[in-house]
């Protein structure tokens, strides 16, 4: 059993809320995924790191849930690009960003 709750995403779709680590592994093109709101207050203080394992400009959409009123996270297109998100009040707030743009 892994000590970290994680998942690998290889196809367009929804990320599982509540994972601590997500690997983006789609290599045949850009991954288009959605991220639902973290449950409040159950997830307050939790974090998730989302890491690209492929050289693609992946896009995750979480409408009006990122840093207040932002909708998207867009990866720069290099292996190892990542973002750390912190959950609070039913929203996500960015911590570390390596070649990921918030929009």
N, C-alpha and C. Protein backbone atom coordinates (compact mmCIF):
# COMPACT_ATOMS: atom_id res chain seq x y z
N UNK A 1 0.84 -1.18 0.00
CA UNK A 1 0.00 0.00 0.00
C UNK A 1 0.88 1.25 0.00
N UNK A 2 0.57 2.17 -0.85
CA UNK A 2 1.33 3.41 -0.94
C UNK A 2 1.03 4.30 0.25
N UNK A 3 2.05 4.96 0.79
CA UNK A 3 1.80 5.88 1.91
C UNK A 3 1.14 7.18 1.47
N UNK A 4 1.08 7.42 0.17
CA UNK A 4 0.48 8.64 -0.37
C UNK A 4 -0.69 8.23 -1.26
N UNK A 5 -1.82 8.90 -1.07
CA UNK A 5 -2.99 8.65 -1.91
C UNK A 5 -2.75 9.32 -3.26
N UNK A 6 -2.65 8.51 -4.34
CA UNK A 6 -2.34 9.08 -5.64
C UNK A 6 -3.14 8.43 -6.75
N UNK A 7 -3.10 9.07 -7.91
CA UNK A 7 -3.69 8.48 -9.11
C UNK A 7 -2.90 8.93 -10.33
N UNK A 8 -3.02 8.13 -11.39
CA UNK A 8 -2.43 8.46 -12.69
C UNK A 8 -3.59 8.76 -13.65
N UNK A 9 -3.47 9.85 -14.37
CA UNK A 9 -4.50 10.26 -15.32
C UNK A 9 -3.90 10.18 -16.73
N UNK A 10 -4.41 9.24 -17.54
CA UNK A 10 -3.89 9.04 -18.89
C UNK A 10 -4.88 9.43 -19.98
N UNK A 11 -6.09 9.83 -19.57
CA UNK A 11 -7.13 10.19 -20.55
C UNK A 11 -7.91 11.38 -20.02
N UNK A 12 -8.53 12.12 -20.94
CA UNK A 12 -9.37 13.25 -20.54
C UNK A 12 -10.45 12.78 -19.57
N UNK A 13 -10.81 13.66 -18.62
CA UNK A 13 -11.85 13.31 -17.66
C UNK A 13 -11.68 14.07 -16.38
N UNK A 14 -12.23 13.52 -15.31
CA UNK A 14 -12.20 14.19 -14.01
C UNK A 14 -11.12 13.61 -13.11
N UNK A 15 -10.43 14.50 -12.39
CA UNK A 15 -9.50 14.07 -11.36
C UNK A 15 -10.31 13.70 -10.12
N UNK A 16 -9.80 12.77 -9.34
CA UNK A 16 -10.46 12.36 -8.11
C UNK A 16 -10.13 13.34 -7.01
N UNK A 17 -11.16 13.96 -6.43
CA UNK A 17 -10.95 14.89 -5.32
C UNK A 17 -10.47 14.11 -4.11
N UNK A 18 -9.47 14.64 -3.41
CA UNK A 18 -8.98 14.01 -2.19
C UNK A 18 -7.67 13.26 -2.33
N UNK A 19 -7.14 13.16 -3.53
CA UNK A 19 -5.83 12.52 -3.72
C UNK A 19 -4.74 13.52 -3.32
N UNK A 20 -3.60 13.00 -2.84
CA UNK A 20 -2.48 13.86 -2.46
C UNK A 20 -1.50 14.09 -3.61
N UNK A 21 -1.50 13.18 -4.57
CA UNK A 21 -0.56 13.26 -5.69
C UNK A 21 -1.26 12.76 -6.94
N UNK A 22 -1.15 13.53 -8.02
CA UNK A 22 -1.74 13.14 -9.30
C UNK A 22 -0.65 13.23 -10.37
N UNK A 23 -0.47 12.14 -11.12
CA UNK A 23 0.48 12.10 -12.23
C UNK A 23 -0.31 12.22 -13.52
N UNK A 24 0.03 13.20 -14.34
CA UNK A 24 -0.59 13.36 -15.66
C UNK A 24 0.27 12.59 -16.65
N UNK A 25 -0.28 11.54 -17.24
CA UNK A 25 0.54 10.63 -18.05
C UNK A 25 0.10 10.53 -19.51
N UNK A 26 -0.88 11.31 -19.93
CA UNK A 26 -1.33 11.25 -21.33
C UNK A 26 -0.21 11.77 -22.23
N UNK A 27 0.24 10.94 -23.17
CA UNK A 27 1.37 11.33 -24.02
C UNK A 27 0.98 11.57 -25.47
N UNK A 28 -0.26 11.25 -25.84
CA UNK A 28 -0.68 11.37 -27.24
C UNK A 28 -1.29 12.72 -27.55
N UNK A 29 -1.18 13.66 -26.64
CA UNK A 29 -1.73 15.00 -26.83
C UNK A 29 -2.01 15.62 -25.48
N UNK A 30 -2.59 16.80 -25.53
CA UNK A 30 -2.88 17.55 -24.31
C UNK A 30 -4.02 16.89 -23.54
N UNK A 31 -3.83 16.73 -22.25
CA UNK A 31 -4.86 16.21 -21.35
C UNK A 31 -5.80 17.35 -20.98
N UNK A 32 -7.09 17.14 -21.11
CA UNK A 32 -8.11 18.10 -20.67
C UNK A 32 -8.87 17.44 -19.53
N UNK A 33 -8.72 17.98 -18.33
CA UNK A 33 -9.35 17.38 -17.15
C UNK A 33 -10.09 18.42 -16.34
N UNK A 34 -10.98 17.94 -15.49
CA UNK A 34 -11.70 18.82 -14.58
C UNK A 34 -11.39 18.43 -13.15
N UNK A 35 -11.55 19.41 -12.27
CA UNK A 35 -11.32 19.19 -10.84
C UNK A 35 -12.48 19.82 -10.09
N UNK A 36 -13.23 19.00 -9.36
CA UNK A 36 -14.38 19.49 -8.59
C UNK A 36 -13.90 20.18 -7.32
N UNK A 37 -14.79 20.90 -6.68
CA UNK A 37 -14.47 21.60 -5.44
C UNK A 37 -14.12 20.61 -4.33
N UNK A 38 -13.14 20.98 -3.49
CA UNK A 38 -12.86 20.14 -2.32
C UNK A 38 -14.01 20.26 -1.33
N UNK A 39 -14.32 19.17 -0.67
CA UNK A 39 -15.42 19.23 0.30
C UNK A 39 -15.00 20.08 1.49
N UNK A 40 -15.88 20.95 1.89
CA UNK A 40 -15.61 21.90 2.97
C UNK A 40 -16.51 21.54 4.15
N UNK A 41 -16.03 21.40 5.36
CA UNK A 41 -14.67 21.67 5.83
C UNK A 41 -13.77 20.44 5.86
N UNK A 42 -14.26 19.30 5.39
CA UNK A 42 -13.51 18.05 5.51
C UNK A 42 -12.09 18.11 4.95
N UNK A 43 -11.88 18.86 3.87
CA UNK A 43 -10.57 18.88 3.22
C UNK A 43 -9.75 20.11 3.53
N UNK A 44 -10.24 21.01 4.37
CA UNK A 44 -9.46 22.20 4.72
C UNK A 44 -8.07 21.79 5.21
N UNK A 45 -7.04 22.40 4.66
CA UNK A 45 -5.66 22.12 5.06
C UNK A 45 -4.99 21.01 4.27
N UNK A 46 -5.73 20.27 3.48
CA UNK A 46 -5.13 19.22 2.67
C UNK A 46 -4.48 19.83 1.43
N UNK A 47 -3.55 19.08 0.85
CA UNK A 47 -2.89 19.55 -0.36
C UNK A 47 -2.87 18.45 -1.41
N UNK A 48 -2.71 18.86 -2.66
CA UNK A 48 -2.55 17.93 -3.77
C UNK A 48 -1.46 18.49 -4.69
N UNK A 49 -0.54 17.63 -5.07
CA UNK A 49 0.49 18.00 -6.05
C UNK A 49 0.13 17.30 -7.36
N UNK A 50 0.08 18.07 -8.43
CA UNK A 50 -0.26 17.54 -9.75
C UNK A 50 0.97 17.71 -10.64
N UNK A 51 1.52 16.58 -11.12
CA UNK A 51 2.79 16.57 -11.84
C UNK A 51 2.61 15.99 -13.24
N UNK A 52 3.18 16.66 -14.23
CA UNK A 52 3.16 16.13 -15.60
C UNK A 52 4.32 15.17 -15.78
N UNK A 53 4.01 13.98 -16.25
CA UNK A 53 5.05 13.00 -16.58
C UNK A 53 5.25 12.90 -18.09
N UNK A 54 4.61 13.81 -18.82
CA UNK A 54 4.76 13.86 -20.28
C UNK A 54 5.00 15.30 -20.72
N UNK A 55 5.60 15.46 -21.88
CA UNK A 55 5.90 16.80 -22.41
C UNK A 55 4.69 17.33 -23.19
N UNK A 56 3.64 17.67 -22.46
CA UNK A 56 2.40 18.18 -23.05
C UNK A 56 1.92 19.38 -22.23
N UNK A 57 1.20 20.28 -22.87
CA UNK A 57 0.64 21.48 -22.21
C UNK A 57 -0.76 21.16 -21.68
N UNK A 58 -0.83 20.29 -20.68
CA UNK A 58 -2.10 19.85 -20.12
C UNK A 58 -2.89 21.02 -19.54
N UNK A 59 -4.23 20.86 -19.49
CA UNK A 59 -5.11 21.89 -18.94
C UNK A 59 -6.10 21.23 -17.98
N UNK A 60 -6.16 21.77 -16.76
CA UNK A 60 -7.16 21.34 -15.78
C UNK A 60 -8.07 22.52 -15.50
N UNK A 61 -9.37 22.25 -15.53
CA UNK A 61 -10.37 23.29 -15.29
C UNK A 61 -11.08 23.02 -13.97
N UNK A 62 -11.15 24.05 -13.14
CA UNK A 62 -11.89 24.03 -11.88
C UNK A 62 -12.57 25.40 -11.78
N UNK A 63 -13.74 25.51 -12.36
CA UNK A 63 -14.40 26.80 -12.57
C UNK A 63 -14.60 27.59 -11.27
N UNK A 64 -13.98 28.79 -11.24
CA UNK A 64 -14.06 29.72 -10.10
C UNK A 64 -13.59 29.10 -8.79
N UNK A 65 -12.67 28.14 -8.86
CA UNK A 65 -12.21 27.46 -7.64
C UNK A 65 -10.73 27.63 -7.36
N UNK A 66 -9.99 28.36 -8.21
CA UNK A 66 -8.54 28.47 -8.04
C UNK A 66 -8.20 29.90 -7.66
N UNK A 67 -7.62 30.09 -6.50
CA UNK A 67 -7.24 31.42 -6.00
C UNK A 67 -8.40 32.41 -6.09
N UNK A 68 -9.58 31.97 -5.75
CA UNK A 68 -10.72 32.86 -5.75
C UNK A 68 -11.60 32.71 -6.96
N UNK A 69 -11.22 33.33 -8.09
CA UNK A 69 -12.12 33.30 -9.25
C UNK A 69 -11.45 32.82 -10.54
N UNK A 70 -10.31 32.15 -10.43
CA UNK A 70 -9.65 31.62 -11.63
C UNK A 70 -10.19 30.24 -11.96
N UNK A 71 -10.08 29.88 -13.24
CA UNK A 71 -10.71 28.66 -13.74
C UNK A 71 -9.75 27.56 -14.17
N UNK A 72 -8.55 27.91 -14.64
CA UNK A 72 -7.71 26.90 -15.28
C UNK A 72 -6.28 26.87 -14.75
N UNK A 73 -5.68 25.70 -14.90
CA UNK A 73 -4.25 25.49 -14.70
C UNK A 73 -3.73 24.95 -16.02
N UNK A 74 -2.70 25.59 -16.58
CA UNK A 74 -2.15 25.17 -17.86
C UNK A 74 -0.67 24.87 -17.69
N UNK A 75 -0.27 23.64 -18.04
CA UNK A 75 1.11 23.21 -17.90
C UNK A 75 1.94 23.74 -19.05
N UNK A 76 3.23 23.99 -18.80
CA UNK A 76 4.12 24.58 -19.78
C UNK A 76 4.58 23.64 -20.88
N UNK A 77 4.43 22.34 -20.69
CA UNK A 77 4.78 21.40 -21.75
C UNK A 77 6.05 20.61 -21.51
N UNK A 78 6.58 20.63 -20.29
CA UNK A 78 7.79 19.87 -20.00
C UNK A 78 7.50 18.80 -18.94
N UNK A 79 8.20 17.70 -19.04
CA UNK A 79 8.11 16.67 -18.01
C UNK A 79 8.59 17.27 -16.69
N UNK A 80 7.84 17.06 -15.63
CA UNK A 80 8.21 17.57 -14.31
C UNK A 80 7.52 18.86 -13.92
N UNK A 81 6.85 19.52 -14.85
CA UNK A 81 6.07 20.71 -14.49
C UNK A 81 5.03 20.29 -13.45
N UNK A 82 4.80 21.14 -12.44
CA UNK A 82 3.83 20.76 -11.41
C UNK A 82 3.25 21.96 -10.70
N UNK A 83 2.16 21.70 -9.98
CA UNK A 83 1.53 22.68 -9.11
C UNK A 83 1.17 21.98 -7.81
N UNK A 84 1.28 22.68 -6.70
CA UNK A 84 0.75 22.21 -5.43
C UNK A 84 -0.43 23.09 -5.08
N UNK A 85 -1.57 22.46 -4.84
CA UNK A 85 -2.79 23.17 -4.47
C UNK A 85 -3.12 22.88 -3.01
N UNK A 86 -3.56 23.91 -2.30
CA UNK A 86 -4.00 23.77 -0.91
C UNK A 86 -5.49 24.02 -0.85
N UNK A 87 -6.20 23.19 -0.10
CA UNK A 87 -7.66 23.29 0.02
C UNK A 87 -8.04 24.13 1.23
N UNK A 88 -8.98 25.05 1.02
CA UNK A 88 -9.52 25.83 2.14
C UNK A 88 -10.85 26.45 1.71
N UNK A 89 -11.85 26.29 2.54
CA UNK A 89 -13.13 26.93 2.31
C UNK A 89 -13.82 26.51 1.02
N UNK A 90 -13.59 25.28 0.58
CA UNK A 90 -14.22 24.80 -0.64
C UNK A 90 -13.56 25.28 -1.92
N UNK A 91 -12.33 25.81 -1.81
CA UNK A 91 -11.58 26.29 -2.98
C UNK A 91 -10.16 25.74 -2.94
N UNK A 92 -9.42 25.99 -4.02
CA UNK A 92 -8.00 25.63 -4.11
C UNK A 92 -7.17 26.90 -4.18
N UNK A 93 -6.04 26.87 -3.48
CA UNK A 93 -5.09 27.99 -3.51
C UNK A 93 -3.74 27.43 -3.92
N UNK A 94 -3.05 28.13 -4.83
CA UNK A 94 -1.78 27.63 -5.33
C UNK A 94 -0.66 27.88 -4.34
N UNK A 95 0.21 26.89 -4.25
CA UNK A 95 1.44 27.01 -3.49
C UNK A 95 2.57 27.06 -4.51
N UNK A 96 3.33 25.97 -4.59
CA UNK A 96 4.43 25.90 -5.55
C UNK A 96 3.89 25.76 -6.97
N UNK A 97 4.53 26.47 -7.89
CA UNK A 97 4.20 26.38 -9.31
C UNK A 97 5.50 26.27 -10.10
N UNK A 98 5.63 25.21 -10.88
CA UNK A 98 6.76 25.08 -11.79
C UNK A 98 6.18 24.97 -13.20
N UNK A 99 6.28 26.04 -13.97
CA UNK A 99 5.79 26.11 -15.35
C UNK A 99 4.32 25.73 -15.49
N UNK A 100 3.52 26.17 -14.54
CA UNK A 100 2.06 26.03 -14.61
C UNK A 100 1.47 27.42 -14.46
N UNK A 101 0.59 27.79 -15.38
CA UNK A 101 -0.02 29.11 -15.39
C UNK A 101 -1.45 29.02 -14.87
N UNK A 102 -1.81 29.96 -14.00
CA UNK A 102 -3.18 30.06 -13.47
C UNK A 102 -3.94 31.06 -14.33
N UNK A 103 -5.12 30.69 -14.78
CA UNK A 103 -5.89 31.61 -15.61
C UNK A 103 -7.37 31.56 -15.34
